[in-house]
PDB file of N, CA and C in Angstrom:
ATOM      1  N   UNK A   1      -1.899   8.688  -1.601  1.00  0.00           N
ATOM      2  CA  UNK A   1      -2.902   7.750  -2.220  1.00  0.00           C
ATOM      3  C   UNK A   1      -3.499   6.649  -1.532  1.00  0.00           C
ATOM      4  N   UNK A   2      -5.022   7.156  -1.478  1.00  0.00           N
ATOM      5  CA  UNK A   2      -5.873   6.685  -0.825  1.00  0.00           C
ATOM      6  C   UNK A   2      -6.233   5.044  -1.599  1.00  0.00           C
ATOM      7  N   UNK A   3      -6.241   4.311  -0.748  1.00  0.00           N
ATOM      8  CA  UNK A   3      -6.539   2.784  -0.908  1.00  0.00           C
ATOM      9  C   UNK A   3      -8.799   2.642  -1.398  1.00  0.00           C
ATOM     10  N   UNK A   4      -8.757   1.883  -2.247  1.00  0.00           N
ATOM     11  CA  UNK A   4     -10.089   1.770  -2.246  1.00  0.00           C
ATOM     12  C   UNK A   4     -10.874   0.963  -1.172  1.00  0.00           C
ATOM     13  N   UNK A   5     -12.077   0.682  -0.723  1.00  0.00           N
ATOM     14  CA  UNK A   5     -12.627  -0.390   0.264  1.00  0.00           C
ATOM     15  C   UNK A   5     -12.118  -1.387  -0.100  1.00  0.00           C
ATOM     16  N   UNK A   6     -12.501  -1.873  -1.312  1.00  0.00           N
ATOM     17  CA  UNK A   6     -12.346  -3.407  -1.710  1.00  0.00           C
ATOM     18  C   UNK A   6     -11.176  -3.130  -2.924  1.00  0.00           C
ATOM     19  N   UNK A   7      -9.902  -4.272  -2.815  1.00  0.00           N
ATOM     20  CA  UNK A   7      -9.096  -4.111  -3.220  1.00  0.00           C
ATOM     21  C   UNK A   7      -8.448  -5.491  -3.186  1.00  0.00           C
ATOM     22  N   UNK A   8      -8.993  -6.660  -4.476  1.00  0.00           N
ATOM     23  CA  UNK A   8      -8.714  -7.568  -4.719  1.00  0.00           C
ATOM     24  C   UNK A   8      -8.015  -8.124  -5.576  1.00  0.00           C
ATOM     25  N   UNK A   9      -8.031  -9.171  -6.223  1.00  0.00           N
ATOM     26  CA  UNK A   9      -7.669  -9.307  -8.159  1.00  0.00           C
ATOM     27  C   UNK A   9      -8.436  -8.845  -9.084  1.00  0.00           C
ATOM     28  N   UNK A  10      -9.459  -9.057  -8.606  1.00  0.00           N
ATOM     29  CA  UNK A  10     -10.179  -8.561  -9.542  1.00  0.00           C
ATOM     30  C   UNK A  10     -10.218  -6.516  -9.930  1.00  0.00           C
ATOM     31  N   UNK A  11      -9.994  -5.663  -8.782  1.00  0.00           N
ATOM     32  CA  UNK A  11      -9.470  -4.715  -8.996  1.00  0.00           C
ATOM     33  C   UNK A  11      -8.132  -3.845  -8.670  1.00  0.00           C
ATOM     34  N   UNK A  12      -7.400  -5.206  -9.019  1.00  0.00           N
ATOM     35  CA  UNK A  12      -6.191  -4.636  -8.879  1.00  0.00           C
ATOM     36  C   UNK A  12      -5.320  -3.807 -10.118  1.00  0.00           C
ATOM     37  N   UNK A  13      -5.970  -3.793 -11.387  1.00  0.00           N
ATOM     38  CA  UNK A  13      -5.641  -3.359 -12.376  1.00  0.00           C
ATOM     39  C   UNK A  13      -5.721  -1.981 -12.226  1.00  0.00           C
ATOM     40  N   UNK A  14      -6.753  -1.648 -12.153  1.00  0.00           N
ATOM     41  CA  UNK A  14      -7.158   0.084 -11.926  1.00  0.00           C
ATOM     42  C   UNK A  14      -6.730   0.621 -11.093  1.00  0.00           C
ATOM     43  N   UNK A  15      -6.615  -0.063  -9.473  1.00  0.00           N
ATOM     44  CA  UNK A  15      -5.721   0.498  -8.220  1.00  0.00           C
ATOM     45  C   UNK A  15      -4.294   0.415  -9.281  1.00  0.00           C
ATOM     46  N   UNK A  16      -3.822  -0.492  -9.993  1.00  0.00           N
ATOM     47  CA  UNK A  16      -2.832  -0.241 -10.058  1.00  0.00           C
ATOM     48  C   UNK A  16      -2.305   1.325 -11.043  1.00  0.00           C
ATOM     49  N   UNK A  17      -3.239   1.360 -11.818  1.00  0.00           N
ATOM     50  CA  UNK A  17      -2.741   2.708 -12.420  1.00  0.00           C
ATOM     51  C   UNK A  17      -3.134   3.511 -11.790  1.00  0.00           C
ATOM     52  N   UNK A  18      -3.883   3.770 -10.895  1.00  0.00           N
ATOM     53  CA  UNK A  18      -4.425   5.207 -10.178  1.00  0.00           C
ATOM     54  C   UNK A  18      -2.884   5.461  -9.268  1.00  0.00           C
ATOM     55  N   UNK A  19      -2.289   4.658  -8.636  1.00  0.00           N
ATOM     56  CA  UNK A  19      -0.973   4.256  -8.417  1.00  0.00           C
ATOM     57  C   UNK A  19       0.107   4.675  -9.003  1.00  0.00           C
ATOM     58  N   UNK A  20       0.218   4.106 -10.036  1.00  0.00           N
ATOM     59  CA  UNK A  20       1.381   4.516 -10.924  1.00  0.00           C
ATOM     60  C   UNK A  20       1.098   6.372 -11.150  1.00  0.00           C
ATOM     61  N   UNK A  21      -0.133   6.698 -11.945  1.00  0.00           N
ATOM     62  CA  UNK A  21      -0.462   7.909 -11.930  1.00  0.00           C
ATOM     63  C   UNK A  21      -0.121   8.874 -11.424  1.00  0.00           C
ATOM     64  N   UNK A  22      -0.882   8.629  -9.702  1.00  0.00           N
ATOM     65  CA  UNK A  22      -0.374   9.632  -8.465  1.00  0.00           C
ATOM     66  C   UNK A  22       0.970   9.354  -8.313  1.00  0.00           C
ATOM     67  N   UNK A  23       1.488   8.277  -8.230  1.00  0.00           N
ATOM     68  CA  UNK A  23       3.188   8.308  -8.168  1.00  0.00           C
ATOM     69  C   UNK A  23       3.771   9.014  -9.068  1.00  0.00           C
ATOM     70  N   UNK A  24       3.270   9.301 -10.029  1.00  0.00           N
ATOM     71  CA  UNK A  24       4.330  10.048 -11.374  1.00  0.00           C
ATOM     72  C   UNK A  24       4.225  11.148 -11.494  1.00  0.00           C
ATOM     73  N   UNK A  25       2.887  11.867 -10.741  1.00  0.00           N
ATOM     74  CA  UNK A  25       2.913  13.104 -10.233  1.00  0.00           C
ATOM     75  C   UNK A  25       3.043  13.700  -9.056  1.00  0.00           C
ATOM     76  N   UNK A  26       3.689  12.876  -8.329  1.00  0.00           N
ATOM     77  CA  UNK A  26       4.101  13.186  -6.995  1.00  0.00           C
ATOM     78  C   UNK A  26       5.459  14.206  -6.834  1.00  0.00           C
ATOM     79  N   UNK A  27       5.183  14.890  -6.142  1.00  0.00           N
ATOM     80  CA  UNK A  27       6.647  16.172  -5.676  1.00  0.00           C
ATOM     81  C   UNK A  27       6.544  16.298  -4.449  1.00  0.00           C
ATOM     82  N   UNK A  28       5.748  15.919  -3.529  1.00  0.00           N
ATOM     83  CA  UNK A  28       5.839  15.929  -1.877  1.00  0.00           C
ATOM     84  C   UNK A  28       7.428  14.624  -1.634  1.00  0.00           C
ATOM     85  N   UNK A  29       7.659  15.153  -0.144  1.00  0.00           N
ATOM     86  CA  UNK A  29       8.603  14.246   0.509  1.00  0.00           C
ATOM     87  C   UNK A  29       8.357  13.394   0.623  1.00  0.00           C
ATOM     88  N   UNK A  30       7.263  12.407   0.368  1.00  0.00           N
ATOM     89  CA  UNK A  30       7.113  11.259   1.230  1.00  0.00           C
ATOM     90  C   UNK A  30       5.681  10.620   0.096  1.00  0.00           C
ATOM     91  N   UNK A  31       6.132   9.594  -0.128  1.00  0.00           N
ATOM     92  CA  UNK A  31       4.937   8.548  -0.925  1.00  0.00           C
ATOM     93  C   UNK A  31       4.099   7.742   0.041  1.00  0.00           C
ATOM     94  N   UNK A  32       2.802   8.816   0.547  1.00  0.00           N
ATOM     95  CA  UNK A  32       2.120   7.996   1.646  1.00  0.00           C
ATOM     96  C   UNK A  32       0.658   7.482   1.032  1.00  0.00           C
ATOM     97  N   UNK A  33       0.470   6.291   1.673  1.00  0.00           N
ATOM     98  CA  UNK A  33      -0.866   5.651   1.188  1.00  0.00           C
ATOM     99  C   UNK A  33      -1.285   5.444   2.167  1.00  0.00           C
ATOM    100  N   UNK A  34      -2.698   5.877   2.022  1.00  0.00           N
ATOM    101  CA  UNK A  34      -3.871   5.531   3.121  1.00  0.00           C
ATOM    102  C   UNK A  34      -4.629   4.517   3.031  1.00  0.00           C
ATOM    103  N   UNK A  35      -4.290   3.810   3.850  1.00  0.00           N
ATOM    104  CA  UNK A  35      -4.905   2.149   3.812  1.00  0.00           C
ATOM    105  C   UNK A  35      -6.140   2.127   4.691  1.00  0.00           C
ATOM    106  N   UNK A  36      -6.536   3.163   5.461  1.00  0.00           N
ATOM    107  CA  UNK A  36      -7.673   3.080   6.095  1.00  0.00           C
ATOM    108  C   UNK A  36      -9.177   2.766   5.747  1.00  0.00           C
ATOM    109  N   UNK A  37      -9.398   2.483   3.940  1.00  0.00           N
ATOM    110  CA  UNK A  37     -10.892   2.411   3.749  1.00  0.00           C
ATOM    111  C   UNK A  37     -10.783   1.023   3.463  1.00  0.00           C
ATOM    112  N   UNK A  38      -9.961   0.251   3.684  1.00  0.00           N
ATOM    113  CA  UNK A  38      -9.831  -1.146   3.260  1.00  0.00           C
ATOM    114  C   UNK A  38     -10.544  -2.233   4.027  1.00  0.00           C
ATOM    115  N   UNK A  39     -11.819  -2.633   3.312  1.00  0.00           N
ATOM    116  CA  UNK A  39     -12.507  -3.453   4.067  1.00  0.00           C
ATOM    117  C   UNK A  39     -12.617  -4.734   3.387  1.00  0.00           C
ATOM    118  N   UNK A  40     -12.417  -5.337   2.494  1.00  0.00           N
ATOM    119  CA  UNK A  40     -12.745  -6.465   1.438  1.00  0.00           C
ATOM    120  C   UNK A  40     -11.339  -6.621   0.924  1.00  0.00           C
ATOM    121  N   UNK A  41     -10.026  -7.368   1.140  1.00  0.00           N
ATOM    122  CA  UNK A  41      -8.704  -7.176   0.215  1.00  0.00           C
ATOM    123  C   UNK A  41      -8.280  -8.469   0.404  1.00  0.00           C
ATOM    124  N   UNK A  42      -7.046  -8.576  -0.486  1.00  0.00           N
ATOM    125  CA  UNK A  42      -6.806  -9.838  -0.417  1.00  0.00           C
ATOM    126  C   UNK A  42      -5.265  -9.627  -0.371  1.00  0.00           C
ATOM    127  N   UNK A  43      -4.142 -10.810  -1.419  1.00  0.00           N
ATOM    128  CA  UNK A  43      -2.560 -10.403  -1.366  1.00  0.00           C
ATOM    129  C   UNK A  43      -2.780  -9.238  -2.139  1.00  0.00           C
ATOM    130  N   UNK A  44      -3.732  -9.111  -3.329  1.00  0.00           N
ATOM    131  CA  UNK A  44      -3.354  -7.806  -4.392  1.00  0.00           C
ATOM    132  C   UNK A  44      -3.174  -6.526  -3.360  1.00  0.00           C
ATOM    133  N   UNK A  45      -3.432  -6.325  -2.500  1.00  0.00           N
ATOM    134  CA  UNK A  45      -3.261  -5.153  -1.257  1.00  0.00           C
ATOM    135  C   UNK A  45      -1.501  -4.887  -1.301  1.00  0.00           C
ATOM    136  N   UNK A  46      -1.259  -6.201  -0.614  1.00  0.00           N
ATOM    137  CA  UNK A  46      -0.088  -6.229  -0.509  1.00  0.00           C
ATOM    138  C   UNK A  46       1.028  -6.363  -1.841  1.00  0.00           C
ATOM    139  N   UNK A  47       0.791  -6.700  -3.078  1.00  0.00           N
ATOM    140  CA  UNK A  47       0.808  -6.592  -4.143  1.00  0.00           C
ATOM    141  C   UNK A  47       1.110  -4.430  -4.061  1.00  0.00           C
ATOM    142  N   UNK A  48       0.270  -4.387  -4.218  1.00  0.00           N
ATOM    143  CA  UNK A  48      -0.063  -2.941  -4.893  1.00  0.00           C
ATOM    144  C   UNK A  48       0.791  -2.141  -3.770  1.00  0.00           C
ATOM    145  N   UNK A  49       0.817  -2.272  -2.387  1.00  0.00           N
ATOM    146  CA  UNK A  49       1.956  -1.416  -1.353  1.00  0.00           C
ATOM    147  C   UNK A  49       3.487  -1.840  -2.026  1.00  0.00           C
ATOM    148  N   UNK A  50       3.395  -3.262  -2.143  1.00  0.00           N
ATOM    149  CA  UNK A  50       4.701  -3.617  -2.460  1.00  0.00           C
ATOM    150  C   UNK A  50       5.667  -2.532  -3.704  1.00  0.00           C
ATOM    151  N   UNK A  51       5.073  -2.615  -4.430  1.00  0.00           N
ATOM    152  CA  UNK A  51       4.608  -1.418  -5.754  1.00  0.00           C
ATOM    153  C   UNK A  51       5.042   0.161  -5.615  1.00  0.00           C
ATOM    154  N   UNK A  52       4.175   0.200  -4.509  1.00  0.00           N
ATOM    155  CA  UNK A  52       4.402   1.878  -4.291  1.00  0.00           C
ATOM    156  C   UNK A  52       5.238   2.100  -3.417  1.00  0.00           C
ATOM    157  N   UNK A  53       6.093   1.047  -2.512  1.00  0.00           N
ATOM    158  CA  UNK A  53       7.640   1.234  -2.230  1.00  0.00           C
ATOM    159  C   UNK A  53       8.675   1.163  -2.813  1.00  0.00           C
ATOM    160  N   UNK A  54       8.373   0.578  -4.131  1.00  0.00           N
ATOM    161  CA  UNK A  54       9.595   0.405  -5.157  1.00  0.00           C
ATOM    162  C   UNK A  54       9.469   1.702  -6.466  1.00  0.00           C
ATOM    163  N   UNK A  55       8.448   2.708  -6.243  1.00  0.00           N
ATOM    164  CA  UNK A  55       7.918   3.739  -6.926  1.00  0.00           C
ATOM    165  C   UNK A  55       9.310   4.484  -6.042  1.00  0.00           C
ATOM    166  N   UNK A  56       8.628   4.396  -4.839  1.00  0.00           N
ATOM    167  CA  UNK A  56       9.197   5.798  -3.493  1.00  0.00           C
ATOM    168  C   UNK A  56      10.533   5.330  -3.945  1.00  0.00           C
ATOM    169  N   UNK A  57      11.147   4.441  -3.761  1.00  0.00           N
ATOM    170  CA  UNK A  57      12.395   4.110  -3.752  1.00  0.00           C
ATOM    171  C   UNK A  57      13.270   4.554  -4.862  1.00  0.00           C
ATOM    172  N   UNK A  58      12.267   4.305  -6.242  1.00  0.00           N
ATOM    173  CA  UNK A  58      13.018   4.979  -7.387  1.00  0.00           C
ATOM    174  C   UNK A  58      13.166   6.207  -7.443  1.00  0.00           C
ATOM    175  N   UNK A  59      12.163   7.522  -6.960  1.00  0.00           N
ATOM    176  CA  UNK A  59      12.142   8.422  -6.714  1.00  0.00           C
ATOM    177  C   UNK A  59      12.894   8.925  -5.422  1.00  0.00           C
ATOM    178  N   UNK A  60      13.598   8.277  -5.020  1.00  0.00           N
ATOM    179  CA  UNK A  60      14.732   8.793  -3.618  1.00  0.00           C
ATOM    180  C   UNK A  60      14.261   9.146  -2.391  1.00  0.00           C
ATOM    181  N   UNK A  61      12.705   8.767  -2.233  1.00  0.00           N
ATOM    182  CA  UNK A  61      12.141   9.108  -0.971  1.00  0.00           C
ATOM    183  C   UNK A  61      11.062   8.889  -0.164  1.00  0.00           C
ATOM    184  N   UNK A  62      10.844   8.214   1.423  1.00  0.00           N
ATOM    185  CA  UNK A  62      10.397   7.715   1.996  1.00  0.00           C
ATOM    186  C   UNK A  62       8.989   7.119   1.594  1.00  0.00           C
ATOM    187  N   UNK A  63       8.827   6.068   2.203  1.00  0.00           N
ATOM    188  CA  UNK A  63       7.323   5.186   1.640  1.00  0.00           C
ATOM    189  C   UNK A  63       6.720   5.704   3.121  1.00  0.00           C
ATOM    190  N   UNK A  64       5.245   5.726   3.052  1.00  0.00           N
ATOM    191  CA  UNK A  64       4.754   4.994   4.472  1.00  0.00           C
ATOM    192  C   UNK A  64       3.161   4.627   3.766  1.00  0.00           C
ATOM    193  N   UNK A  65       2.767   3.905   5.075  1.00  0.00           N
ATOM    194  CA  UNK A  65       1.258   2.903   5.160  1.00  0.00           C
ATOM    195  C   UNK A  65       0.623   4.014   6.318  1.00  0.00           C
ATOM    196  N   UNK A  66      -0.741   4.317   6.203  1.00  0.00           N
ATOM    197  CA  UNK A  66      -1.161   4.473   7.578  1.00  0.00           C
ATOM    198  C   UNK A  66      -2.638   3.748   7.175  1.00  0.00           C
ATOM    199  N   UNK A  67      -3.358   3.874   8.527  1.00  0.00           N
ATOM    200  CA  UNK A  67      -4.308   3.102   8.870  1.00  0.00           C
ATOM    201  C   UNK A  67      -4.444   1.718   8.069  1.00  0.00           C
ATOM    202  N   UNK A  68      -3.520   1.098   8.575  1.00  0.00           N
ATOM    203  CA  UNK A  68      -3.726  -0.232   7.878  1.00  0.00           C
ATOM    204  C   UNK A  68      -4.532  -1.221   8.979  1.00  0.00           C
ATOM    205  N   UNK A  69      -5.637  -1.615   8.155  1.00  0.00           N
ATOM    206  CA  UNK A  69      -6.644  -2.507   9.501  1.00  0.00           C
ATOM    207  C   UNK A  69      -5.765  -3.667   9.478  1.00  0.00           C
ATOM    208  N   UNK A  70      -6.107  -4.225  11.247  1.00  0.00           N
ATOM    209  CA  UNK A  70      -5.489  -5.180  11.543  1.00  0.00           C
ATOM    210  C   UNK A  70      -5.032  -6.660  10.666  1.00  0.00           C
ATOM    211  N   UNK A  71      -6.528  -6.834   9.620  1.00  0.00           N
ATOM    212  CA  UNK A  71      -6.266  -7.565   9.050  1.00  0.00           C
ATOM    213  C   UNK A  71      -5.012  -7.665   7.870  1.00  0.00           C
ATOM    214  N   UNK A  72      -4.677  -6.206   7.061  1.00  0.00           N
ATOM    215  CA  UNK A  72      -3.915  -6.108   6.733  1.00  0.00           C
ATOM    216  C   UNK A  72      -2.226  -6.306   7.211  1.00  0.00           C
ATOM    217  N   UNK A  73      -2.331  -6.287   8.516  1.00  0.00           N
ATOM    218  CA  UNK A  73      -0.992  -6.353   9.367  1.00  0.00           C
ATOM    219  C   UNK A  73      -0.940  -7.731   9.270  1.00  0.00           C
ATOM    220  N   UNK A  74      -2.101  -8.358   9.823  1.00  0.00           N
ATOM    221  CA  UNK A  74      -1.506  -9.914   9.667  1.00  0.00           C
ATOM    222  C   UNK A  74      -1.408 -10.544   8.635  1.00  0.00           C
ATOM    223  N   UNK A  75      -1.766 -10.609   7.456  1.00  0.00           N
ATOM    224  CA  UNK A  75      -1.715 -10.688   6.078  1.00  0.00           C
ATOM    225  C   UNK A  75      -0.026 -10.266   5.849  1.00  0.00           C
ATOM    226  N   UNK A  76       0.409  -9.029   5.930  1.00  0.00           N
ATOM    227  CA  UNK A  76       1.509  -8.589   5.684  1.00  0.00           C
ATOM    228  C   UNK A  76       2.659  -9.941   6.609  1.00  0.00           C
ATOM    229  N   UNK A  77       2.110 -10.116   8.100  1.00  0.00           N
ATOM    230  CA  UNK A  77       3.521 -10.727   8.624  1.00  0.00           C
ATOM    231  C   UNK A  77       3.357 -12.228   8.235  1.00  0.00           C
ATOM    232  N   UNK A  78       1.990 -12.916   7.400  1.00  0.00           N
ATOM    233  CA  UNK A  78       2.068 -13.693   7.346  1.00  0.00           C
ATOM    234  C   UNK A  78       2.870 -14.213   5.752  1.00  0.00           C
ATOM    235  N   UNK A  79       2.930 -12.867   4.731  1.00  0.00           N
ATOM    236  CA  UNK A  79       3.622 -13.241   3.757  1.00  0.00           C
ATOM    237  C   UNK A  79       5.336 -13.172   3.955  1.00  0.00           C
ATOM    238  N   UNK A  80       5.237 -12.120   5.586  1.00  0.00           N
ATOM    239  CA  UNK A  80       6.951 -11.966   5.769  1.00  0.00           C
ATOM    240  C   UNK A  80       7.443 -10.777   5.152  1.00  0.00           C
ATOM    241  N   UNK A  81       6.050  -9.646   4.592  1.00  0.00           N
ATOM    242  CA  UNK A  81       6.648  -8.013   4.216  1.00  0.00           C
ATOM    243  C   UNK A  81       6.436  -7.259   4.913  1.00  0.00           C
ATOM    244  N   UNK A  82       5.839  -7.320   6.414  1.00  0.00           N
ATOM    245  CA  UNK A  82       5.454  -6.619   7.550  1.00  0.00           C
ATOM    246  C   UNK A  82       6.596  -5.129   7.420  1.00  0.00           C
ATOM    247  N   UNK A  83       7.535  -6.170   7.880  1.00  0.00           N
ATOM    248  CA  UNK A  83       8.653  -4.702   7.958  1.00  0.00           C
ATOM    249  C   UNK A  83       8.896  -3.905   6.891  1.00  0.00           C
ATOM    250  N   UNK A  84       9.154  -4.557   5.204  1.00  0.00           N
ATOM    251  CA  UNK A  84       9.353  -3.805   4.216  1.00  0.00           C
ATOM    252  C   UNK A  84       8.162  -2.436   4.252  1.00  0.00           C
ATOM    253  N   UNK A  85       6.977  -3.002   4.599  1.00  0.00           N
ATOM    254  CA  UNK A  85       5.930  -1.722   4.705  1.00  0.00           C
ATOM    255  C   UNK A  85       5.712  -1.237   5.585  1.00  0.00           C
ATOM    256  N   UNK A  86       6.453  -1.435   6.834  1.00  0.00           N
ATOM    257  CA  UNK A  86       6.516  -0.331   7.643  1.00  0.00           C
ATOM    258  C   UNK A  86       5.176  -0.582   8.399  1.00  0.00           C
ATOM    259  N   UNK A  87       4.765  -1.706   8.389  1.00  0.00           N
ATOM    260  CA  UNK A  87       3.267  -2.586   9.146  1.00  0.00           C
ATOM    261  C   UNK A  87       3.330  -2.742  10.309  1.00  0.00           C
ATOM    262  N   UNK A  88       3.017  -2.700  11.585  1.00  0.00           N
ATOM    263  CA  UNK A  88       2.855  -3.096  13.113  1.00  0.00           C
ATOM    264  C   UNK A  88       1.613  -3.630  13.593  1.00  0.00           C
ATOM    265  N   UNK A  89       1.369  -4.192  14.098  1.00  0.00           N
ATOM    266  CA  UNK A  89       0.555  -4.754  14.670  1.00  0.00           C
ATOM    267  C   UNK A  89      -0.485  -3.924  15.842  1.00  0.00           C
ATOM    268  N   UNK A  90      -1.094  -3.952  16.510  1.00  0.00           N
ATOM    269  CA  UNK A  90      -1.541  -3.383  17.272  1.00  0.00           C
ATOM    270  C   UNK A  90      -1.178  -3.541  18.467  1.00  0.00           C
ATOM    271  N   UNK A  91      -0.738  -2.603  19.481  1.00  0.00           N
ATOM    272  CA  UNK A  91       0.354  -2.527  20.869  1.00  0.00           C
ATOM    273  C   UNK A  91      -1.127  -3.240  21.700  1.00  0.00           C
TER     274      UNK A  91
END
């Protein structure tokens, strides 16, 4: 799944539907979320990623996020979910 460039509370509903549709049809070995397009987001992006992680766990598959912008990593650290989401700051 590729996240949209804008993912705030206003867009969360449609992103949530897309996630559920794509995760339901997923047959691959991993639930992968590409966050590289994110430019404007709030905590709704974290909520969506946490839901993706739950869906992956329910299917018994690994979950990974790639391309997370630094601001998303910082927000995940602030909320204490960076480790759950596998997000790390730039080294």
